[in-house]
Protein backbone atom coordinates (compact mmCIF):
# COMPACT_ATOMS: atom_id res chain seq x y z
CA MET A 1 -1.26 11.70 -23.27
CA ARG A 2 -3.28 12.90 -20.34
CA ARG A 3 -2.20 12.10 -16.90
CA ARG A 4 -4.53 10.10 -14.65
CA LYS A 5 -6.52 12.41 -12.42
CA ASN A 6 -7.67 9.83 -9.86
CA ILE A 7 -4.58 9.20 -7.77
CA ALA A 8 -6.25 6.86 -5.28
CA ARG A 9 -5.33 3.22 -5.46
CA ARG A 10 -7.85 1.22 -7.46
CA LYS A 11 -8.88 -2.32 -6.51
CA CYS A 12 -6.90 -3.82 -9.38
CA GLU A 13 -3.78 -2.04 -8.08
CA CYS A 14 -3.97 -3.73 -4.67
CA TYR A 15 -1.64 -6.63 -3.95
CA PRO A 16 -2.88 -9.58 -6.13
CA ASP A 17 -3.94 -13.06 -5.13
CA PHE A 18 -1.47 -15.70 -6.28
CA SER A 19 -3.39 -18.72 -4.99
CA ALA A 20 -3.58 -20.51 -8.33
CA GLU A 21 0.11 -20.09 -9.08
CA LEU A 22 1.00 -21.07 -5.48
CA SER A 23 -1.05 -24.25 -5.68
CA THR A 24 0.69 -25.30 -8.91
CA LEU A 25 4.17 -24.56 -7.58
CA LYS A 26 3.53 -26.38 -4.31
CA ASP A 27 2.44 -29.57 -6.11
CA VAL A 28 5.67 -29.59 -8.17
CA ALA A 29 7.92 -28.45 -5.29
CA VAL A 30 7.01 -31.50 -3.26
CA GLN A 31 8.65 -33.64 -5.97
CA GLY A 32 11.54 -31.22 -6.20
CA ASP A 33 11.44 -31.21 -10.02
CA TYR A 34 10.24 -28.27 -12.12
CA SER A 35 11.10 -29.91 -15.42
CA ARG A 36 7.55 -31.07 -16.07
CA LEU A 37 6.24 -27.56 -15.32
CA ASN A 38 6.44 -24.57 -17.68
CA LEU A 39 8.30 -22.51 -15.05
CA PRO A 40 8.87 -19.47 -17.33
CA GLY A 41 5.16 -19.44 -18.14
CA ILE A 42 4.15 -19.54 -14.47
CA ILE A 43 6.58 -16.70 -13.63
CA ALA A 44 5.22 -14.68 -16.56
CA LYS A 45 1.67 -15.02 -15.13
CA ILE A 46 2.90 -13.96 -11.70
CA ILE A 47 4.50 -10.83 -13.17
CA ARG A 48 1.37 -10.04 -15.19
CA LYS A 49 -0.77 -10.26 -12.05
CA HIS A 50 1.64 -8.09 -10.13
CA LYS A 51 1.94 -5.52 -12.89
CA SER A 52 -0.84 -3.11 -11.79
CA ASN A 53 0.32 -3.16 -8.17
CA SER A 54 3.89 -2.69 -9.32
CA ALA A 55 3.01 0.30 -11.54
CA TYR A 56 1.18 2.09 -8.78
CA ASN A 57 3.96 1.47 -6.29
CA ARG A 58 6.53 2.75 -8.77
CA LYS A 59 4.48 5.93 -9.12
CA LEU A 60 4.55 6.36 -5.35
CA CYS A 61 8.35 5.97 -5.35
CA GLU A 62 8.65 8.51 -8.15
CA ARG A 63 6.49 10.92 -6.14
CA TYR A 64 8.81 10.50 -3.17
CA GLN A 65 11.74 11.31 -5.46
CA CYS A 66 9.89 14.38 -6.77
CA LEU A 67 10.26 13.25 -10.38
CA ASP A 68 8.40 15.11 -13.08
CA ASP A 69 6.24 12.11 -13.89
CA GLY A 70 5.55 11.32 -10.20
CA VAL A 71 4.10 14.54 -8.78
CA PRO A 72 0.62 15.37 -10.20
CA ILE A 73 1.04 19.14 -9.97
CA PHE A 74 4.00 18.98 -12.36
CA GLY A 75 1.70 17.68 -15.12
CA ARG A 76 -1.01 20.32 -14.64
CA VAL A 77 -1.95 22.17 -17.83
CA PRO A 78 -3.30 25.81 -18.00
CA ARG A 79 -7.02 26.32 -17.95
CA PHE A 80 -6.99 28.13 -21.32
CA PRO A 81 -3.86 26.89 -23.13
CA GLN A 82 -5.03 28.29 -26.49
CA GLN A 83 -4.79 31.96 -25.30
CA GLY A 84 -1.15 32.99 -25.90
CA ALA A 85 1.32 31.77 -23.32
CA PRO A 86 -0.60 31.57 -20.01
CA ILE A 87 1.22 31.48 -16.74
CA ASN A 88 1.15 28.02 -15.22
CA ASN A 89 3.11 27.77 -11.99
CA GLN A 90 3.52 24.22 -10.61
CA LEU A 91 4.46 24.49 -6.95
CA ASN A 92 4.96 21.21 -4.96
CA SER A 93 4.49 21.34 -1.23
CA ASP A 94 6.15 18.02 -0.47
CA PHE A 95 4.01 16.72 2.37
CA PHE A 96 4.35 13.23 0.88
CA SER A 97 8.06 12.94 1.64
CA GLU A 98 7.60 14.61 5.04
CA ILE A 99 5.06 11.93 6.10
CA VAL A 100 7.37 9.16 5.00
CA ASP A 101 10.59 10.61 6.44
CA PHE A 102 9.02 11.54 9.78
CA LYS A 103 7.83 7.95 10.38
CA THR A 104 11.09 6.46 9.10
CA GLY A 105 13.17 8.66 11.36
CA TYR A 106 10.97 8.15 14.37
CA PHE A 107 10.62 4.38 14.03
CA ALA A 108 14.01 3.39 12.49
CA GLY A 109 16.16 6.38 13.43
CA LYS A 110 17.62 4.32 16.23
CA PRO A 111 18.97 0.90 15.23
CA ILE A 112 16.97 -2.16 16.11
CA ALA A 113 19.07 -4.12 18.63
CA TYR A 114 19.51 -7.73 17.61
CA SER A 115 20.81 -10.10 20.29
CA TYR A 116 20.76 -13.67 21.43
CA SER A 117 19.24 -14.48 24.85
CA GLN A 118 21.78 -15.50 27.50
CA THR A 119 19.33 -16.84 30.03
CA ASP A 120 19.65 -20.26 31.60
CA GLU A 121 16.81 -21.52 29.39
CA SER A 122 18.48 -20.23 26.30
CA LYS A 123 21.77 -21.97 27.19
CA ALA A 124 19.93 -25.17 27.88
CA VAL A 125 18.02 -25.31 24.56
CA THR A 126 21.02 -24.14 22.61
CA GLY A 127 23.18 -26.86 24.06
CA SER A 128 25.68 -25.15 26.37
CA GLU A 129 26.85 -21.74 27.44
CA GLU A 130 29.62 -21.88 24.84
CA MET A 131 27.19 -22.69 22.07
CA ALA A 132 24.90 -19.84 23.15
CA ARG A 133 27.88 -17.53 23.08
CA ARG A 134 28.86 -18.64 19.57
CA ALA A 135 25.24 -18.11 18.39
CA SER A 136 25.26 -14.64 19.88
CA LYS A 137 28.52 -13.80 18.16
CA ALA A 138 27.30 -15.08 14.81
CA LEU A 139 24.14 -12.96 15.00
CA THR A 140 26.04 -9.86 16.10
CA ASP A 141 28.65 -10.29 13.33
CA PHE A 142 25.88 -10.64 10.76
CA ALA A 143 24.19 -7.39 11.91
CA ILE A 144 27.49 -5.52 11.77
CA TYR A 145 28.80 -7.04 8.57
CA THR A 146 25.63 -6.36 6.59
CA ASN A 147 24.99 -2.95 8.18
CA LEU A 148 21.50 -4.14 9.12
CA TYR A 149 20.67 -0.71 10.46
CA ASP A 150 20.76 0.75 6.94
CA VAL A 151 18.80 -2.20 5.46
CA ASP A 152 16.06 -1.87 8.11
CA MET A 153 15.80 1.85 7.52
CA GLN A 154 15.42 1.42 3.76
CA CYS A 155 12.79 -1.34 4.26
CA VAL A 156 10.82 0.88 6.61
CA LYS A 157 11.01 3.79 4.15
CA TYR A 158 9.75 1.72 1.25
CA ALA A 159 7.06 0.20 3.45
CA ALA A 160 5.85 3.73 4.38
CA ILE A 161 5.86 4.73 0.67
CA CYS A 162 4.33 1.67 -1.04
CA GLY A 163 2.80 -0.40 1.73
CA TYR A 164 5.56 -2.94 1.92
CA GLY A 165 9.29 -3.20 1.62
CA ALA A 166 11.47 -6.15 0.56
CA ARG A 167 14.88 -7.61 1.41
CA LEU A 168 16.95 -10.36 -0.09
CA PHE A 169 19.28 -12.67 1.86
CA TYR A 170 22.25 -14.09 -0.03
CA ILE A 171 25.79 -15.43 0.35
CA ASP A 172 28.26 -12.81 -0.79
CA LYS A 173 30.87 -15.31 -2.03
CA PRO A 174 29.31 -18.65 -2.91
CA GLY A 175 31.70 -21.53 -2.29
CA GLY A 176 31.85 -25.16 -3.17
CA LYS A 177 32.11 -28.31 -1.13
CA GLU A 178 35.84 -27.83 -0.41
CA ASP A 179 35.48 -24.14 0.37
CA PRO A 180 32.09 -23.41 1.84
CA GLY A 181 33.24 -19.84 2.68
CA GLY A 182 31.29 -16.68 2.09
CA LYS A 183 29.12 -14.77 4.56
CA GLU A 184 25.43 -14.14 4.88
CA LYS A 185 24.34 -10.73 3.66
CA VAL A 186 21.07 -8.91 3.08
CA MET A 187 20.11 -6.07 0.77
CA PRO A 188 16.90 -3.99 0.31
CA ILE A 189 14.89 -4.66 -2.87
CA LEU A 190 12.53 -2.15 -4.58
CA PRO A 191 9.04 -3.26 -3.67
CA TYR A 192 7.67 -2.86 -7.23
CA GLN A 193 10.27 -5.44 -8.34
CA ALA A 194 9.24 -8.19 -5.91
CA ALA A 195 6.21 -10.52 -5.76
CA PHE A 196 5.66 -12.97 -2.89
CA LEU A 197 3.63 -16.17 -2.92
CA THR A 198 2.31 -17.14 0.55
CA GLU A 199 -0.48 -19.22 1.96
CA THR A 200 -1.54 -16.41 4.30
CA CYS A 201 -1.83 -12.66 3.98
CA ASP A 202 1.63 -12.29 5.58
CA ILE A 203 4.25 -11.70 2.90
CA SER A 204 7.07 -11.80 5.52
CA ALA A 205 7.24 -15.57 5.34
CA PRO A 206 6.74 -16.54 1.67
CA LEU A 207 6.97 -19.99 0.19
CA PHE A 208 8.05 -18.64 -3.20
CA ALA A 209 9.09 -15.25 -4.50
CA VAL A 210 9.92 -13.57 -7.79
CA ARG A 211 12.24 -10.63 -8.41
CA TYR A 212 12.01 -9.05 -11.82
CA TYR A 213 13.44 -5.96 -13.47
CA ARG A 214 14.52 -4.46 -16.79
CA THR A 215 18.11 -3.63 -17.77
CA GLU A 216 20.06 -2.84 -20.92
CA ASP A 217 22.96 -4.47 -22.68
CA LEU A 218 25.91 -2.60 -24.21
CA SER A 219 24.01 -1.99 -27.43
CA GLY A 220 21.12 -0.35 -25.59
CA ALA A 221 18.66 -3.17 -26.07
CA THR A 222 16.23 -3.82 -23.23
CA ILE A 223 16.61 -7.12 -21.37
CA CYS A 224 13.99 -8.42 -18.99
CA LYS A 225 15.36 -10.52 -16.13
CA ALA A 226 13.66 -12.51 -13.41
CA GLU A 227 14.79 -14.55 -10.40
CA PHE A 228 12.59 -17.23 -8.91
CA TYR A 229 13.23 -18.32 -5.31
CA ASP A 230 12.01 -21.45 -3.54
CA SER A 231 13.18 -23.07 -0.30
CA SER A 232 16.45 -24.34 -1.73
CA HIS A 233 17.39 -22.84 -5.11
CA ILE A 234 17.49 -19.73 -7.25
CA TYR A 235 16.29 -19.97 -10.84
CA TYR A 236 17.47 -17.29 -13.29
CA LEU A 237 15.45 -16.29 -16.36
CA SER A 238 15.90 -13.73 -19.13
CA GLY A 239 14.24 -12.53 -22.31
CA SER A 240 13.27 -9.65 -24.53
CA SER A 241 10.03 -9.28 -22.56
CA PHE A 242 8.52 -10.81 -19.42
CA ASP A 243 6.18 -12.87 -21.56
CA LYS A 244 9.20 -14.38 -23.39
CA LEU A 245 11.34 -15.54 -20.53
CA THR A 246 13.63 -18.52 -20.81
CA GLN A 247 15.65 -20.16 -18.06
CA VAL A 248 19.38 -19.46 -18.18
CA ASP A 249 22.14 -21.31 -16.33
CA GLU A 250 21.56 -24.00 -13.81
CA PRO A 251 19.61 -23.41 -10.52
CA GLN A 252 21.89 -22.29 -7.76
CA PRO A 253 21.47 -23.35 -4.11
CA HIS A 254 21.10 -20.40 -1.72
CA MET A 255 21.78 -22.37 1.57
CA PHE A 256 19.02 -20.71 3.70
CA GLY A 257 16.46 -23.51 3.89
CA GLY A 258 13.62 -21.13 3.03
CA CYS A 259 12.67 -18.50 0.44
CA PRO A 260 15.40 -15.82 0.92
CA LEU A 261 13.36 -12.97 -0.69
CA GLN A 262 11.15 -11.54 2.05
CA GLY A 263 8.48 -8.86 2.26
CA ILE A 264 8.19 -6.26 5.07
CA PRO A 265 4.46 -5.26 5.33
CA ASN A 266 3.58 -1.76 6.50
CA ASN A 267 0.11 -2.89 7.62
CA GLU A 268 -2.37 -5.65 6.85
CA GLU A 269 -3.75 -3.80 3.82
CA LEU A 270 -0.26 -3.19 2.30
CA THR A 271 -0.91 0.54 1.83
CA GLY A 272 1.47 3.46 2.25
CA ASP A 273 1.22 6.10 4.96
CA ALA A 274 0.39 8.99 2.64
CA GLU A 275 -2.14 7.24 0.34
CA LYS A 276 -5.18 8.41 2.32
CA VAL A 277 -4.24 12.11 2.03
CA LEU A 278 -2.95 12.25 -1.57
CA SER A 279 -6.09 14.19 -2.70
CA LEU A 280 -5.54 16.74 0.14
CA ILE A 281 -1.90 17.21 -0.78
CA ASP A 282 -2.84 17.73 -4.43
CA ALA A 283 -5.51 20.28 -3.46
CA TYR A 284 -2.91 22.18 -1.41
CA ASP A 285 -0.56 22.19 -4.37
CA ARG A 286 -3.31 23.48 -6.72
CA ALA A 287 -4.24 26.28 -4.27
CA ILE A 288 -0.65 27.40 -3.85
CA SER A 289 -0.04 27.26 -7.58
CA ASP A 290 -3.20 29.20 -8.39
CA SER A 291 -2.25 31.88 -5.90
CA SER A 292 1.19 32.17 -7.52
CA ASN A 293 -0.47 32.47 -10.94
CA GLU A 294 -2.66 35.32 -9.71
CA ILE A 295 0.30 37.22 -8.30
CA GLU A 296 2.37 36.77 -11.40
CA SER A 297 -0.30 37.25 -14.11
CA PHE A 298 -1.89 40.36 -12.58
CA ALA A 299 0.45 43.06 -11.25
CA GLN A 300 -0.14 44.31 -7.79
CA ALA A 301 -1.37 47.58 -9.20
CA TYR A 302 -2.00 49.10 -12.64
CA MET A 303 -1.75 52.83 -13.35
CA VAL A 304 -4.99 54.07 -15.00
CA PHE A 305 -5.02 57.21 -17.17
CA LYS A 306 -8.64 58.43 -17.39
CA ASN A 307 -9.48 60.71 -20.35
CA ILE A 308 -5.77 61.40 -20.98
CA GLN A 309 -3.70 60.64 -23.99
CA ILE A 310 -0.18 59.59 -22.97
CA PRO A 311 2.40 58.86 -25.70
CA ASP A 312 4.55 55.77 -25.37
CA GLU A 313 7.63 57.93 -24.93
CA GLU A 314 6.05 59.72 -22.01
CA MET A 315 4.97 56.38 -20.53
CA ALA A 316 8.57 55.21 -20.56
CA LYS A 317 9.73 58.41 -18.84
CA CYS A 318 7.04 57.96 -16.19
CA GLN A 319 8.22 54.41 -15.44
CA SER A 320 11.89 55.50 -15.12
CA SER A 321 11.44 58.79 -13.24
CA GLY A 322 8.34 58.04 -11.20
CA ALA A 323 6.90 61.45 -12.06
CA ILE A 324 4.00 62.34 -14.41
CA ARG A 325 3.48 65.59 -16.34
CA TRP A 326 0.47 66.12 -18.53
CA THR A 327 -2.03 68.75 -19.65
CA ALA A 328 -5.65 67.71 -19.06
CA ALA A 329 -7.93 68.16 -22.03
CA THR A 330 -11.10 67.68 -19.98
CA ASP A 331 -12.17 68.45 -16.41
CA ASN A 332 -12.80 64.80 -15.51
CA ALA A 333 -9.28 63.63 -16.36
CA ASP A 334 -7.56 61.57 -13.66
CA VAL A 335 -4.63 59.27 -12.98
CA TYR A 336 -4.89 56.60 -10.28
CA PHE A 337 -3.80 53.03 -9.38
CA LEU A 338 -6.06 50.06 -9.92
CA THR A 339 -5.38 47.28 -7.34
CA LYS A 340 -6.94 43.88 -7.18
CA ASP A 341 -8.84 43.01 -4.02
CA ILE A 342 -7.68 39.52 -2.96
CA ASN A 343 -9.40 37.77 -0.06
CA ASP A 344 -6.18 36.51 1.55
CA THR A 345 -8.02 35.54 4.77
CA PHE A 346 -10.21 33.04 2.97
CA LEU A 347 -7.20 31.61 1.12
CA GLN A 348 -5.11 31.30 4.26
CA ASN A 349 -7.90 29.66 6.21
CA PHE A 350 -8.40 27.20 3.34
CA LEU A 351 -4.71 26.32 3.28
CA ASP A 352 -4.63 25.94 7.07
CA ARG A 353 -7.58 23.54 7.01
CA LEU A 354 -5.91 21.47 4.25
CA ARG A 355 -2.62 21.39 6.12
CA ASP A 356 -4.23 20.36 9.42
CA ASP A 357 -6.24 17.60 7.69
CA ILE A 358 -3.10 16.27 5.95
CA TYR A 359 -1.25 15.91 9.24
CA GLN A 360 -4.22 14.60 11.15
CA ARG A 361 -5.41 12.02 8.60
CA SER A 362 -1.87 10.75 7.99
CA LYS A 363 -1.18 10.55 11.76
CA THR A 364 1.87 12.76 11.40
CA PRO A 365 2.72 15.44 14.00
CA ASN A 366 3.04 18.99 12.74
CA ILE A 367 6.34 20.04 14.36
CA ASN A 368 5.70 23.66 13.34
CA ASP A 369 2.65 23.78 15.56
CA GLU A 370 3.20 26.03 18.56
CA THR A 371 1.36 23.69 20.96
CA PHE A 372 3.59 20.80 19.69
CA GLY A 373 6.76 22.82 20.06
CA ASN A 374 6.02 23.85 23.67
CA ALA A 375 5.24 20.28 24.85
CA SER A 376 7.73 18.08 26.65
CA GLY A 377 7.87 14.81 28.59
CA VAL A 378 4.59 12.91 28.90
CA SER A 379 2.71 15.68 27.13
CA LEU A 380 4.91 15.37 24.07
CA LYS A 381 4.49 11.55 24.05
CA PHE A 382 0.73 11.98 24.20
CA LYS A 383 0.82 14.17 21.10
CA LEU A 384 2.66 11.35 19.35
CA THR A 385 -0.07 8.80 20.19
CA GLN A 386 -1.43 8.54 16.62
CA LEU A 387 2.08 8.20 15.14
CA GLU A 388 2.94 5.59 17.79
CA THR A 389 -0.20 3.60 16.86
CA LYS A 390 0.91 3.59 13.24
CA CYS A 391 4.46 2.58 14.21
CA GLY A 392 3.11 -0.13 16.49
CA MET A 393 1.47 -1.83 13.51
CA LEU A 394 4.72 -1.77 11.62
CA GLN A 395 6.66 -3.05 14.61
CA ALA A 396 4.31 -6.08 14.82
CA LYS A 397 5.07 -6.86 11.18
CA MET A 398 8.83 -6.25 11.63
CA GLN A 399 8.88 -8.73 14.57
CA ALA A 400 7.17 -11.37 12.37
CA ALA A 401 9.66 -10.69 9.57
CA GLY A 402 12.52 -10.86 12.11
CA MET A 403 11.45 -14.31 13.25
CA TYR A 404 11.53 -15.54 9.66
CA MET A 405 14.98 -13.92 9.19
CA PHE A 406 16.27 -15.78 12.29
CA GLN A 407 15.01 -19.06 10.81
CA LEU A 408 16.91 -18.40 7.58
CA LEU A 409 20.03 -17.41 9.42
CA SER A 410 19.93 -20.38 11.73
CA ASN A 411 19.92 -22.77 8.76
CA SER A 412 22.83 -20.93 7.09
CA PHE A 413 24.84 -20.64 10.28
CA MET A 414 24.51 -24.37 10.85
CA ASN A 415 25.57 -25.16 7.24
CA ARG A 416 28.45 -22.71 7.14
CA LEU A 417 29.75 -22.47 10.72
CA GLY A 418 28.22 -25.38 12.54
CA VAL A 419 26.59 -22.87 14.90
CA HIS A 420 23.39 -23.99 16.51
CA MET A 421 21.11 -20.96 16.84
CA ILE A 422 17.51 -21.24 18.10
CA PRO A 423 15.30 -18.60 16.29
CA GLU A 424 13.00 -18.34 19.33
CA GLN A 425 15.92 -17.24 21.51
CA CYS A 426 16.81 -14.32 19.22
CA VAL A 427 15.70 -10.94 20.52
CA MET A 428 14.71 -7.73 18.72
CA GLU A 429 14.60 -4.46 20.76
CA PHE A 430 12.87 -1.40 19.29
CA LYS A 431 13.50 2.15 20.46
CA ARG A 432 11.81 5.21 19.10
CA ASN A 433 13.93 8.19 18.03
CA PHE A 434 12.37 10.39 20.69
CA PRO A 435 13.88 13.72 21.84
CA LEU A 436 16.23 13.07 24.74
CA ASP A 437 14.91 14.04 28.18
CA ALA A 438 17.80 12.87 30.34
CA LEU A 439 16.48 14.37 33.57
CA SER A 440 13.10 12.65 33.38
CA GLU A 441 14.66 9.35 32.36
CA ALA A 442 17.14 9.51 35.24
CA GLN A 443 14.37 10.21 37.74
CA ALA A 444 12.30 7.37 36.32
CA ALA A 445 15.29 4.98 36.49
CA LYS A 446 15.98 5.94 40.12
CA ALA A 447 12.36 5.25 41.06
CA MET A 448 12.41 1.90 39.28
CA ILE A 449 15.64 0.74 41.00
CA ALA A 450 14.24 1.86 44.37
CA SER A 451 11.10 -0.26 43.73
CA GLY A 452 13.29 -3.36 43.46
CA LEU A 453 13.60 -3.82 39.70
CA PRO A 454 16.93 -5.21 38.52
CA LYS A 455 19.34 -2.61 37.15
CA GLN A 456 19.76 -4.38 33.79
CA LEU A 457 16.05 -4.22 33.18
CA VAL A 458 15.87 -0.56 34.23
CA TYR A 459 18.78 0.55 32.09
CA GLY A 460 17.30 -1.10 29.03
CA ASN A 461 13.85 0.45 29.41
CA ALA A 462 14.30 3.78 31.19
CA TYR A 463 17.20 5.18 29.20
CA SER A 464 16.46 5.83 25.52
CA PHE A 465 20.13 6.39 24.69
CA VAL A 466 21.20 2.92 25.86
CA ASP A 467 21.39 0.53 22.90
CA ASP A 468 23.47 -2.32 24.42
CA VAL A 469 22.51 -3.03 28.02
CA SER A 470 25.07 -5.79 28.35
CA TYR A 471 27.88 -3.41 27.40
CA VAL A 472 26.65 -0.87 29.99
CA MET A 473 26.54 -3.52 32.71
CA GLN A 474 30.04 -4.58 31.76
CA LEU A 475 31.31 -0.99 32.11
CA ILE A 476 29.64 -0.65 35.47
CA ALA A 477 31.27 -3.86 36.65
CA GLU A 478 34.68 -2.72 35.40
CA GLU A 479 34.31 0.65 37.21
CA GLU A 480 33.30 -1.02 40.47
CA GLY A 481 36.27 -3.36 40.13
CA ASP A 482 38.59 -0.39 39.67
CA ILE A 483 37.11 1.37 42.72
CA VAL A 484 37.52 -1.73 44.91
CA SER A 485 41.14 -2.17 43.80
CA LEU A 486 41.89 1.45 44.78
CA TYR A 487 40.69 0.94 48.34
CA LYS A 488 42.04 -2.60 48.76
CA PRO A 489 44.86 -2.52 51.33
CA GLU A 490 48.23 -3.58 50.04
CA GLU A 491 49.61 -6.80 51.41
CA GLU A 492 52.54 -6.36 53.72
CA PRO A 493 55.78 -7.97 52.45
CA GLU A 494 56.78 -11.12 54.26
CA GLY A 495 59.71 -11.13 56.62
C-alpha cells in the first residue's frame, strides 16, 4: 500500500457541517424524549461525517509522536528498489514538534490565572461579600483539584497540532439524592475522538457533542464505544462497529446544565500551526536524507589503479598497511584517488532557505538565529510579534471557551454546594512565558507607580513572575504591619 504523497488537508478533511443532525436533535431535545428518534443511527451519521477530519487529525498526532506511520520520510522508498539493496536513509528533522512545543510553552508555559472578581459590583451581583468569597473559593479549589494548568496545556498542544483541542467536564464520584457528593473535574480529550454540534462556527459552546473511540475486551475483540452529551444527560452506546451501535444502560445526568464536552479552537479555520509548512518540512527531510545517501553509498575517495594488475591479496595488504608496492608493466601506469565533487554550498544554501521559510511561514522564532539570540527587552518582543499574533488568536478562543466553562461550573456549584457564582465575574489572566528581564520590569513598575497607577494594577501587569496579585498585596500588608509594630512605642505600665 502506497502512502499518500499529498500531505495538505483536503476539503473533505476539514471540520464537517452537522446542520442536518443538529436540526433533528434540537427538535427532539425540546420535548426531552429521544425514544421516538433513532439516536444510534444519528450518532453513526455524525461519526461518519467526522471520519475524514478525524483520520487527518490522527495522522497529525502520529506525526507529533514521530511514529513510523506518521512521518512521511519514514515511508520513503528507494528510487531504484530493484537494484540490489540500495541505501535509503530516512532522516527526520522534527520541525513539526518544535513549532507545536514552542507555541505551547510560550502561550501556556505559565498557568492561566483563574479568579473571581472582588469588586463592589461583583459583591453586589453575587449577593454579598461572603457569597463572593465562597464563589472565589469554589473556583480556586476547582482549578487546584483538577490541575487545570495541565489540562490547559494539553488542550493548547492538541489545538496547535490538529486545529482544536477538547476537554470533558464530569463529576468524579456521582452521588444520589441523599449523598450529592463528588467534585467537578475536567480532563483533556483527543481531538480526533470528539465531534461537536453547534449553531455557530464556535465549537467552544456546543449544544450536543459525541465522543467515540475503539477499545478491546479481554478476548481481544474490538469494541466501538460512543458517548452522546446534551444539556442534561450522557447517553452510552456500544457495538462491534460505529454503524452498529446500540444504547447501553440508562442515560446518566451530568449536573452541568449544558453540554460538558467542549472544543478549544486554535483559530477560526480549525487548522494546526504546522499545516501550512508540511511540504517545506518534508522537502528538508528529503534533502537531508539524500545527502546522507550520497555520503554512505559513495566513499569519500576511491583508489584507482591505472594499467596495473593488483591481486586481491596485495589489495588487502594495501588496506591494512597503507603502503603500495608494484612493478609497472607500462610507462603510463598510475595510482591515484578519485574523489567526488559535491557542491556543498548549493546544498547548504538550499537547506538554509527551507529552514528560514519553515520558521517564517509558521510564525515560529528561530532561537538558533544569532540576531534573535542577541536581542533583549523590547527588541526581543518585537521579534516575537508574529508568534504573539498567532497566540492572540488562540487567547481569544480560550477566553470564549473559559466563559462557557464558567457557565457549566456555576450550574454545578449551585446544585452541589449552593454557591452562587456569576460567570461574567470570573476572570482569566494570561501571561506569556517570556524570558525574565527583572531590571526592565522593575523600572517600568516604578515609572507606573510614580504616574499614579494603583500598585495592585502595576504588580499584575509589570511583573511577569507575579501570578497571584492578591497574595502579593497580602504579603506587602503583612510586612508593613510588622514594620509598624517594631517601631510602635511600648505602653508604659500603669501605676
